[in-house]
Amino acid sequence: CICKSYEHRRDVLVDGLGKAGWTVEPPKGTMFLWAELPEKFKAMGSLEFAKKLLQESLVVVSPGIGFGPLGEGFVRFSLVENEHRIRQATRAIGHFLKSN
């Protein structure tokens, strides 16, 4: 079932981000995960954080501000990639977080 596939991807993402040092709440029923910016990046805002993450780790997230003012301070991950790509992304995010 497609629901199980997204649930598994969500779990891989949440676990990988946790190992990278970014604790996030797992979504209950969606193909997206909203994550509050890590504390040390909050001052730069979601757009600048998303750009920096892309430039330095080649991982794309949607800046929360693009969804309106209440989205500021968050980024949105999509669960459309397979488990292997999600693991690659969380490893790259871990390197990014440690080097900044």
PDB file of N, CA and C in Angstrom:
ATOM      1  N   CYS A   1       0.839  -1.185   0.000  1.00  0.00           N
ATOM      2  CA  CYS A   1       0.000   0.000   0.000  1.00  0.00           C
ATOM      3  C   CYS A   1       0.888   1.254   0.000  1.00  0.00           C
ATOM      4  N   ILE A   2       0.469   2.253  -0.689  1.00  0.00           N
ATOM      5  CA  ILE A   2       1.236   3.499  -0.797  1.00  0.00           C
ATOM      6  C   ILE A   2       1.385   4.176   0.566  1.00  0.00           C
ATOM      7  N   CYS A   3       0.392   4.019   1.425  1.00  0.00           N
ATOM      8  CA  CYS A   3       0.474   4.615   2.765  1.00  0.00           C
ATOM      9  C   CYS A   3       1.660   4.058   3.534  1.00  0.00           C
ATOM     10  N   LYS A   4       1.883   2.764   3.456  1.00  0.00           N
ATOM     11  CA  LYS A   4       3.010   2.128   4.147  1.00  0.00           C
ATOM     12  C   LYS A   4       4.343   2.620   3.587  1.00  0.00           C
ATOM     13  N   SER A   5       4.380   2.846   2.288  1.00  0.00           N
ATOM     14  CA  SER A   5       5.599   3.348   1.655  1.00  0.00           C
ATOM     15  C   SER A   5       5.960   4.731   2.205  1.00  0.00           C
ATOM     16  N   TYR A   6       4.977   5.614   2.279  1.00  0.00           N
ATOM     17  CA  TYR A   6       5.227   6.960   2.825  1.00  0.00           C
ATOM     18  C   TYR A   6       5.555   6.903   4.314  1.00  0.00           C
ATOM     19  N   GLU A   7       4.897   6.008   5.032  1.00  0.00           N
ATOM     20  CA  GLU A   7       5.177   5.856   6.457  1.00  0.00           C
ATOM     21  C   GLU A   7       6.635   5.414   6.667  1.00  0.00           C
ATOM     22  N   HIS A   8       7.095   4.485   5.854  1.00  0.00           N
ATOM     23  CA  HIS A   8       8.476   4.017   5.965  1.00  0.00           C
ATOM     24  C   HIS A   8       9.454   5.141   5.618  1.00  0.00           C
ATOM     25  N   ARG A   9       9.197   5.863   4.545  1.00  0.00           N
ATOM     26  CA  ARG A   9      10.058   6.993   4.173  1.00  0.00           C
ATOM     27  C   ARG A   9      10.097   8.031   5.290  1.00  0.00           C
ATOM     28  N   ARG A  10       8.946   8.303   5.874  1.00  0.00           N
ATOM     29  CA  ARG A  10       8.882   9.250   6.994  1.00  0.00           C
ATOM     30  C   ARG A  10       9.773   8.790   8.133  1.00  0.00           C
ATOM     31  N   ASP A  11       9.673   7.520   8.472  1.00  0.00           N
ATOM     32  CA  ASP A  11      10.464   6.990   9.579  1.00  0.00           C
ATOM     33  C   ASP A  11      11.957   7.056   9.285  1.00  0.00           C
ATOM     34  N   VAL A  12      12.352   6.770   8.056  1.00  0.00           N
ATOM     35  CA  VAL A  12      13.763   6.861   7.656  1.00  0.00           C
ATOM     36  C   VAL A  12      14.236   8.313   7.761  1.00  0.00           C
ATOM     37  N   LEU A  13      13.418   9.258   7.322  1.00  0.00           N
ATOM     38  CA  LEU A  13      13.778  10.673   7.386  1.00  0.00           C
ATOM     39  C   LEU A  13      13.892  11.151   8.835  1.00  0.00           C
ATOM     40  N   VAL A  14      12.901  10.846   9.646  1.00  0.00           N
ATOM     41  CA  VAL A  14      12.913  11.280  11.048  1.00  0.00           C
ATOM     42  C   VAL A  14      14.121  10.693  11.777  1.00  0.00           C
ATOM     43  N   ASP A  15      14.381   9.413  11.557  1.00  0.00           N
ATOM     44  CA  ASP A  15      15.523   8.753  12.190  1.00  0.00           C
ATOM     45  C   ASP A  15      16.843   9.362  11.709  1.00  0.00           C
ATOM     46  N   GLY A  16      16.969   9.562  10.401  1.00  0.00           N
ATOM     47  CA  GLY A  16      18.194  10.125   9.841  1.00  0.00           C
ATOM     48  C   GLY A  16      18.449  11.542  10.310  1.00  0.00           C
ATOM     49  N   LEU A  17      17.405  12.353  10.361  1.00  0.00           N
ATOM     50  CA  LEU A  17      17.575  13.718  10.863  1.00  0.00           C
ATOM     51  C   LEU A  17      17.962  13.703  12.336  1.00  0.00           C
ATOM     52  N   GLY A  18      17.372  12.796  13.108  1.00  0.00           N
ATOM     53  CA  GLY A  18      17.727  12.674  14.515  1.00  0.00           C
ATOM     54  C   GLY A  18      19.191  12.320  14.697  1.00  0.00           C
ATOM     55  N   LYS A  19      19.685  11.383  13.896  1.00  0.00           N
ATOM     56  CA  LYS A  19      21.099  11.009  13.951  1.00  0.00           C
ATOM     57  C   LYS A  19      21.997  12.171  13.542  1.00  0.00           C
ATOM     58  N   ALA A  20      21.477  13.045  12.671  1.00  0.00           N
ATOM     59  CA  ALA A  20      22.230  14.216  12.216  1.00  0.00           C
ATOM     60  C   ALA A  20      22.229  15.326  13.265  1.00  0.00           C
ATOM     61  N   GLY A  21      21.400  15.168  14.303  1.00  0.00           N
ATOM     62  CA  GLY A  21      21.326  16.187  15.340  1.00  0.00           C
ATOM     63  C   GLY A  21      20.148  17.137  15.201  1.00  0.00           C
ATOM     64  N   TRP A  22      19.182  16.785  14.364  1.00  0.00           N
ATOM     65  CA  TRP A  22      18.016  17.644  14.118  1.00  0.00           C
ATOM     66  C   TRP A  22      16.770  16.848  14.507  1.00  0.00           C
ATOM     67  N   THR A  23      16.274  17.076  15.682  1.00  0.00           N
ATOM     68  CA  THR A  23      15.099  16.358  16.174  1.00  0.00           C
ATOM     69  C   THR A  23      13.839  16.976  15.576  1.00  0.00           C
ATOM     70  N   VAL A  24      13.013  16.137  14.961  1.00  0.00           N
ATOM     71  CA  VAL A  24      11.777  16.597  14.324  1.00  0.00           C
ATOM     72  C   VAL A  24      10.629  15.694  14.755  1.00  0.00           C
ATOM     73  N   GLU A  25       9.440  16.247  14.685  1.00  0.00           N
ATOM     74  CA  GLU A  25       8.223  15.488  14.976  1.00  0.00           C
ATOM     75  C   GLU A  25       7.752  14.790  13.706  1.00  0.00           C
ATOM     76  N   PRO A  26       7.472  13.499  13.770  1.00  0.00           N
ATOM     77  CA  PRO A  26       6.964  12.814  12.574  1.00  0.00           C
ATOM     78  C   PRO A  26       5.528  13.234  12.259  1.00  0.00           C
ATOM     79  N   PRO A  27       5.231  13.492  11.001  1.00  0.00           N
ATOM     80  CA  PRO A  27       3.844  13.810  10.640  1.00  0.00           C
ATOM     81  C   PRO A  27       2.977  12.567  10.786  1.00  0.00           C
ATOM     82  N   LYS A  28       1.717  12.782  11.011  1.00  0.00           N
ATOM     83  CA  LYS A  28       0.818  11.657  11.244  1.00  0.00           C
ATOM     84  C   LYS A  28       0.192  11.092   9.971  1.00  0.00           C
ATOM     85  N   GLY A  29       0.012  11.922   8.960  1.00  0.00           N
ATOM     86  CA  GLY A  29      -0.654  11.392   7.773  1.00  0.00           C
ATOM     87  C   GLY A  29      -0.512  12.288   6.563  1.00  0.00           C
ATOM     88  N   THR A  30       0.695  12.479   6.104  1.00  0.00           N
ATOM     89  CA  THR A  30       0.923  13.340   4.955  1.00  0.00           C
ATOM     90  C   THR A  30       2.199  12.911   4.259  1.00  0.00           C
ATOM     91  N   MET A  31       2.405  13.383   3.062  1.00  0.00           N
ATOM     92  CA  MET A  31       3.641  13.074   2.345  1.00  0.00           C
ATOM     93  C   MET A  31       4.688  14.170   2.529  1.00  0.00           C
ATOM     94  N   PHE A  32       4.486  15.019   3.529  1.00  0.00           N
ATOM     95  CA  PHE A  32       5.433  16.091   3.843  1.00  0.00           C
ATOM     96  C   PHE A  32       5.790  16.057   5.316  1.00  0.00           C
ATOM     97  N   LEU A  33       6.988  16.542   5.631  1.00  0.00           N
ATOM     98  CA  LEU A  33       7.408  16.673   7.007  1.00  0.00           C
ATOM     99  C   LEU A  33       7.833  18.124   7.215  1.00  0.00           C
ATOM    100  N   TRP A  34       7.201  18.784   8.156  1.00  0.00           N
ATOM    101  CA  TRP A  34       7.560  20.150   8.516  1.00  0.00           C
ATOM    102  C   TRP A  34       8.540  20.096   9.672  1.00  0.00           C
ATOM    103  N   ALA A  35       9.665  20.780   9.519  1.00  0.00           N
ATOM    104  CA  ALA A  35      10.693  20.757  10.553  1.00  0.00           C
ATOM    105  C   ALA A  35      11.044  22.183  10.961  1.00  0.00           C
ATOM    106  N   GLU A  36      11.024  22.417  12.261  1.00  0.00           N
ATOM    107  CA  GLU A  36      11.456  23.716  12.770  1.00  0.00           C
ATOM    108  C   GLU A  36      12.955  23.843  12.530  1.00  0.00           C
ATOM    109  N   LEU A  37      13.380  25.033  12.141  1.00  0.00           N
ATOM    110  CA  LEU A  37      14.805  25.244  11.896  1.00  0.00           C
ATOM    111  C   LEU A  37      15.602  24.918  13.156  1.00  0.00           C
ATOM    112  N   PRO A  38      16.775  24.308  12.970  1.00  0.00           N
ATOM    113  CA  PRO A  38      17.641  24.098  14.137  1.00  0.00           C
ATOM    114  C   PRO A  38      17.943  25.444  14.802  1.00  0.00           C
ATOM    115  N   GLU A  39      18.081  25.433  16.097  1.00  0.00           N
ATOM    116  CA  GLU A  39      18.237  26.658  16.893  1.00  0.00           C
ATOM    117  C   GLU A  39      19.287  27.611  16.331  1.00  0.00           C
ATOM    118  N   LYS A  40      20.452  27.094  15.977  1.00  0.00           N
ATOM    119  CA  LYS A  40      21.528  27.986  15.540  1.00  0.00           C
ATOM    120  C   LYS A  40      21.291  28.614  14.170  1.00  0.00           C
ATOM    121  N   PHE A  41      20.238  28.195  13.464  1.00  0.00           N
ATOM    122  CA  PHE A  41      19.928  28.745  12.147  1.00  0.00           C
ATOM    123  C   PHE A  41      18.656  29.595  12.132  1.00  0.00           C
ATOM    124  N   LYS A  42      17.949  29.670  13.247  1.00  0.00           N
ATOM    125  CA  LYS A  42      16.661  30.363  13.273  1.00  0.00           C
ATOM    126  C   LYS A  42      16.757  31.821  12.860  1.00  0.00           C
ATOM    127  N   ALA A  43      17.816  32.503  13.260  1.00  0.00           N
ATOM    128  CA  ALA A  43      17.940  33.933  12.971  1.00  0.00           C
ATOM    129  C   ALA A  43      18.034  34.210  11.476  1.00  0.00           C
ATOM    130  N   MET A  44      18.519  33.276  10.693  1.00  0.00           N
ATOM    131  CA  MET A  44      18.666  33.520   9.247  1.00  0.00           C
ATOM    132  C   MET A  44      17.345  33.368   8.496  1.00  0.00           C
ATOM    133  N   GLY A  45      16.373  32.714   9.086  1.00  0.00           N
ATOM    134  CA  GLY A  45      15.084  32.534   8.429  1.00  0.00           C
ATOM    135  C   GLY A  45      15.072  31.340   7.492  1.00  0.00           C
ATOM    136  N   SER A  46      13.881  30.918   7.136  1.00  0.00           N
ATOM    137  CA  SER A  46      13.719  29.685   6.363  1.00  0.00           C
ATOM    138  C   SER A  46      14.258  29.785   4.938  1.00  0.00           C
ATOM    139  N   LEU A  47      14.116  30.938   4.292  1.00  0.00           N
ATOM    140  CA  LEU A  47      14.591  31.069   2.911  1.00  0.00           C
ATOM    141  C   LEU A  47      16.107  30.991   2.851  1.00  0.00           C
ATOM    142  N   GLU A  48      16.783  31.743   3.687  1.00  0.00           N
ATOM    143  CA  GLU A  48      18.255  31.731   3.684  1.00  0.00           C
ATOM    144  C   GLU A  48      18.784  30.367   4.124  1.00  0.00           C
ATOM    145  N   PHE A  49      18.118  29.736   5.089  1.00  0.00           N
ATOM    146  CA  PHE A  49      18.531  28.408   5.525  1.00  0.00           C
ATOM    147  C   PHE A  49      18.390  27.410   4.372  1.00  0.00           C
ATOM    148  N   ALA A  50      17.269  27.440   3.669  1.00  0.00           N
ATOM    149  CA  ALA A  50      17.046  26.510   2.559  1.00  0.00           C
ATOM    150  C   ALA A  50      18.089  26.720   1.460  1.00  0.00           C
ATOM    151  N   LYS A  51      18.427  27.973   1.179  1.00  0.00           N
ATOM    152  CA  LYS A  51      19.445  28.251   0.159  1.00  0.00           C
ATOM    153  C   LYS A  51      20.816  27.742   0.604  1.00  0.00           C
ATOM    154  N   LYS A  52      21.169  27.980   1.847  1.00  0.00           N
ATOM    155  CA  LYS A  52      22.465  27.537   2.376  1.00  0.00           C
ATOM    156  C   LYS A  52      22.553  26.008   2.387  1.00  0.00           C
ATOM    157  N   LEU A  53      21.466  25.349   2.784  1.00  0.00           N
ATOM    158  CA  LEU A  53      21.435  23.887   2.792  1.00  0.00           C
ATOM    159  C   LEU A  53      21.636  23.348   1.377  1.00  0.00           C
ATOM    160  N   LEU A  54      20.984  23.940   0.404  1.00  0.00           N
ATOM    161  CA  LEU A  54      21.131  23.516  -0.989  1.00  0.00           C
ATOM    162  C   LEU A  54      22.564  23.720  -1.471  1.00  0.00           C
ATOM    163  N   GLN A  55      23.112  24.904  -1.221  1.00  0.00           N
ATOM    164  CA  GLN A  55      24.467  25.208  -1.693  1.00  0.00           C
ATOM    165  C   GLN A  55      25.515  24.302  -1.070  1.00  0.00           C
ATOM    166  N   GLU A  56      25.371  24.000   0.212  1.00  0.00           N
ATOM    167  CA  GLU A  56      26.421  23.275   0.921  1.00  0.00           C
ATOM    168  C   GLU A  56      26.212  21.766   1.010  1.00  0.00           C
ATOM    169  N   SER A  57      24.974  21.298   0.866  1.00  0.00           N
ATOM    170  CA  SER A  57      24.745  19.859   1.007  1.00  0.00           C
ATOM    171  C   SER A  57      24.014  19.244  -0.183  1.00  0.00           C
ATOM    172  N   LEU A  58      23.565  20.088  -1.113  1.00  0.00           N
ATOM    173  CA  LEU A  58      22.815  19.631  -2.284  1.00  0.00           C
ATOM    174  C   LEU A  58      21.505  18.948  -1.919  1.00  0.00           C
ATOM    175  N   VAL A  59      20.913  19.382  -0.804  1.00  0.00           N
ATOM    176  CA  VAL A  59      19.608  18.877  -0.370  1.00  0.00           C
ATOM    177  C   VAL A  59      18.597  20.012  -0.509  1.00  0.00           C
ATOM    178  N   VAL A  60      17.485  19.712  -1.151  1.00  0.00           N
ATOM    179  CA  VAL A  60      16.443  20.714  -1.382  1.00  0.00           C
ATOM    180  C   VAL A  60      15.318  20.542  -0.369  1.00  0.00           C
ATOM    181  N   VAL A  61      14.983  21.635   0.306  1.00  0.00           N
ATOM    182  CA  VAL A  61      13.804  21.702   1.167  1.00  0.00           C
ATOM    183  C   VAL A  61      13.034  22.957   0.764  1.00  0.00           C
ATOM    184  N   SER A  62      11.769  22.986   1.073  1.00  0.00           N
ATOM    185  CA  SER A  62      10.962  24.172   0.791  1.00  0.00           C
ATOM    186  C   SER A  62      10.986  25.090   2.004  1.00  0.00           C
ATOM    187  N   PRO A  63      11.349  26.358   1.804  1.00  0.00           N
ATOM    188  CA  PRO A  63      11.318  27.289   2.936  1.00  0.00           C
ATOM    189  C   PRO A  63       9.887  27.551   3.365  1.00  0.00           C
ATOM    190  N   GLY A  64       9.664  27.519   4.657  1.00  0.00           N
ATOM    191  CA  GLY A  64       8.315  27.690   5.183  1.00  0.00           C
ATOM    192  C   GLY A  64       7.677  29.011   4.831  1.00  0.00           C
ATOM    193  N   ILE A  65       8.476  30.060   4.709  1.00  0.00           N
ATOM    194  CA  ILE A  65       7.923  31.379   4.399  1.00  0.00           C
ATOM    195  C   ILE A  65       7.166  31.368   3.074  1.00  0.00           C
ATOM    196  N   GLY A  66       7.509  30.453   2.190  1.00  0.00           N
ATOM    197  CA  GLY A  66       6.811  30.332   0.908  1.00  0.00           C
ATOM    198  C   GLY A  66       5.362  29.901   1.048  1.00  0.00           C
ATOM    199  N   PHE A  67       4.992  29.442   2.240  1.00  0.00           N
ATOM    200  CA  PHE A  67       3.621  29.002   2.502  1.00  0.00           C
ATOM    201  C   PHE A  67       2.860  30.008   3.352  1.00  0.00           C
ATOM    202  N   GLY A  68       3.468  31.162   3.557  1.00  0.00           N
ATOM    203  CA  GLY A  68       2.822  32.210   4.341  1.00  0.00           C
ATOM    204  C   GLY A  68       3.604  32.519   5.597  1.00  0.00           C
ATOM    205  N   PRO A  69       3.227  33.597   6.291  1.00  0.00           N
ATOM    206  CA  PRO A  69       3.996  34.042   7.454  1.00  0.00           C
ATOM    207  C   PRO A  69       4.083  33.017   8.585  1.00  0.00           C
ATOM    208  N   LEU A  70       3.080  32.175   8.737  1.00  0.00           N
ATOM    209  CA  LEU A  70       3.128  31.166   9.803  1.00  0.00           C
ATOM    210  C   LEU A  70       4.127  30.047   9.497  1.00  0.00           C
ATOM    211  N   GLY A  71       4.570  29.975   8.240  1.00  0.00           N
ATOM    212  CA  GLY A  71       5.559  28.966   7.861  1.00  0.00           C
ATOM    213  C   GLY A  71       6.982  29.379   8.188  1.00  0.00           C
ATOM    214  N   GLU A  72       7.178  30.662   8.490  1.00  0.00           N
ATOM    215  CA  GLU A  72       8.531  31.116   8.803  1.00  0.00           C
ATOM    216  C   GLU A  72       9.060  30.381  10.021  1.00  0.00           C
ATOM    217  N   GLY A  73      10.347  30.030   9.945  1.00  0.00           N
ATOM    218  CA  GLY A  73      10.976  29.280  11.023  1.00  0.00           C
ATOM    219  C   GLY A  73      10.934  27.779  10.808  1.00  0.00           C
ATOM    220  N   PHE A  74      10.352  27.362   9.678  1.00  0.00           N
ATOM    221  CA  PHE A  74      10.237  25.944   9.343  1.00  0.00           C
ATOM    222  C   PHE A  74      10.682  25.709   7.904  1.00  0.00           C
ATOM    223  N   VAL A  75      11.037  24.472   7.607  1.00  0.00           N
ATOM    224  CA  VAL A  75      11.206  24.032   6.230  1.00  0.00           C
ATOM    225  C   VAL A  75      10.349  22.785   6.043  1.00  0.00           C
ATOM    226  N   ARG A  76      10.020  22.516   4.787  1.00  0.00           N
ATOM    227  CA  ARG A  76       9.182  21.355   4.484  1.00  0.00           C
ATOM    228  C   ARG A  76       9.979  20.358   3.647  1.00  0.00           C
ATOM    229  N   PHE A  77      10.009  19.129   4.112  1.00  0.00           N
ATOM    230  CA  PHE A  77      10.599  18.022   3.367  1.00  0.00           C
ATOM    231  C   PHE A  77       9.481  17.275   2.665  1.00  0.00           C
ATOM    232  N   SER A  78       9.747  16.789   1.471  1.00  0.00           N
ATOM    233  CA  SER A  78       8.806  15.938   0.765  1.00  0.00           C
ATOM    234  C   SER A  78       9.274  14.495   0.879  1.00  0.00           C
ATOM    235  N   LEU A  79       8.344  13.583   0.971  1.00  0.00           N
ATOM    236  CA  LEU A  79       8.667  12.164   1.121  1.00  0.00           C
ATOM    237  C   LEU A  79       8.563  11.408  -0.198  1.00  0.00           C
ATOM    238  N   VAL A  80       8.881  12.062  -1.300  1.00  0.00           N
ATOM    239  CA  VAL A  80       8.731  11.425  -2.611  1.00  0.00           C
ATOM    240  C   VAL A  80       9.950  10.621  -3.044  1.00  0.00           C
ATOM    241  N   GLU A  81      11.079  10.841  -2.391  1.00  0.00           N
ATOM    242  CA  GLU A  81      12.291  10.102  -2.758  1.00  0.00           C
ATOM    243  C   GLU A  81      12.303   8.724  -2.089  1.00  0.00           C
ATOM    244  N   ASN A  82      13.085   7.810  -2.661  1.00  0.00           N
ATOM    245  CA  ASN A  82      13.176   6.470  -2.079  1.00  0.00           C
ATOM    246  C   ASN A  82      14.078   6.483  -0.838  1.00  0.00           C
ATOM    247  N   GLU A  83      14.067   5.375  -0.128  1.00  0.00           N
ATOM    248  CA  GLU A  83      14.797   5.263   1.138  1.00  0.00           C
ATOM    249  C   GLU A  83      16.290   5.560   0.965  1.00  0.00           C
ATOM    250  N   HIS A  84      16.896   5.058  -0.089  1.00  0.00           N
ATOM    251  CA  HIS A  84      18.320   5.279  -0.326  1.00  0.00           C
ATOM    252  C   HIS A  84      18.638   6.773  -0.454  1.00  0.00           C
ATOM    253  N   ARG A  85      17.838   7.482  -1.231  1.00  0.00           N
ATOM    254  CA  ARG A  85      18.061   8.927  -1.430  1.00  0.00           C
ATOM    255  C   ARG A  85      17.806   9.703  -0.131  1.00  0.00           C
ATOM    256  N   ILE A  86      16.833   9.281   0.640  1.00  0.00           N
ATOM    257  CA  ILE A  86      16.563   9.935   1.927  1.00  0.00           C
ATOM    258  C   ILE A  86      17.754   9.754   2.861  1.00  0.00           C
ATOM    259  N   ARG A  87      18.307   8.555   2.894  1.00  0.00           N
ATOM    260  CA  ARG A  87      19.486   8.318   3.742  1.00  0.00           C
ATOM    261  C   ARG A  87      20.672   9.169   3.282  1.00  0.00           C
ATOM    262  N   GLN A  88      20.874   9.276   1.971  1.00  0.00           N
ATOM    263  CA  GLN A  88      21.948  10.135   1.441  1.00  0.00           C
ATOM    264  C   GLN A  88      21.737  11.578   1.896  1.00  0.00           C
ATOM    265  N   ALA A  89      20.507  12.040   1.793  1.00  0.00           N
ATOM    266  CA  ALA A  89      20.193  13.419   2.167  1.00  0.00           C
ATOM    267  C   ALA A  89      20.432  13.669   3.645  1.00  0.00           C
ATOM    268  N   THR A  90      20.019  12.734   4.498  1.00  0.00           N
ATOM    269  CA  THR A  90      20.202  12.970   5.931  1.00  0.00           C
ATOM    270  C   THR A  90      21.683  12.922   6.317  1.00  0.00           C
ATOM    271  N   ARG A  91      22.475  12.108   5.629  1.00  0.00           N
ATOM    272  CA  ARG A  91      23.926  12.109   5.888  1.00  0.00           C
ATOM    273  C   ARG A  91      24.518  13.459   5.490  1.00  0.00           C
ATOM    274  N   ALA A  92      24.115  13.974   4.332  1.00  0.00           N
ATOM    275  CA  ALA A  92      24.603  15.276   3.879  1.00  0.00           C
ATOM    276  C   ALA A  92      24.170  16.383   4.834  1.00  0.00           C
ATOM    277  N   ILE A  93      22.957  16.301   5.336  1.00  0.00           N
ATOM    278  CA  ILE A  93      22.466  17.284   6.310  1.00  0.00           C
ATOM    279  C   ILE A  93      23.290  17.194   7.594  1.00  0.00           C
ATOM    280  N   GLY A  94      23.625  15.992   8.016  1.00  0.00           N
ATOM    281  CA  GLY A  94      24.456  15.817   9.197  1.00  0.00           C
ATOM    282  C   GLY A  94      25.805  16.499   9.045  1.00  0.00           C
ATOM    283  N   HIS A  95      26.431  16.335   7.875  1.00  0.00           N
ATOM    284  CA  HIS A  95      27.710  17.009   7.609  1.00  0.00           C
ATOM    285  C   HIS A  95      27.531  18.530   7.626  1.00  0.00           C
ATOM    286  N   PHE A  96      26.453  18.982   7.034  1.00  0.00           N
ATOM    287  CA  PHE A  96      26.142  20.421   6.997  1.00  0.00           C
ATOM    288  C   PHE A  96      25.996  20.982   8.411  1.00  0.00           C
ATOM    289  N   LEU A  97      25.214  20.305   9.230  1.00  0.00           N
ATOM    290  CA  LEU A  97      24.971  20.794  10.589  1.00  0.00           C
ATOM    291  C   LEU A  97      26.253  20.814  11.428  1.00  0.00           C
ATOM    292  N   LYS A  98      27.104  19.832  11.235  1.00  0.00           N
ATOM    293  CA  LYS A  98      28.352  19.755  11.998  1.00  0.00           C
ATOM    294  C   LYS A  98      29.365  20.808  11.545  1.00  0.00           C
ATOM    295  N   SER A  99      29.304  21.177  10.257  1.00  0.00           N
ATOM    296  CA  SER A  99      30.315  22.118   9.734  1.00  0.00           C
ATOM    297  C   SER A  99      29.891  23.586   9.853  1.00  0.00           C
ATOM    298  N   ASN A 100      28.684  23.853  10.287  1.00  0.00           N
ATOM    299  CA  ASN A 100      28.207  25.238  10.384  1.00  0.00           C
ATOM    300  C   ASN A 100      27.911  25.611  11.818  1.00  0.00           C
TER     301      ASN A 100
END
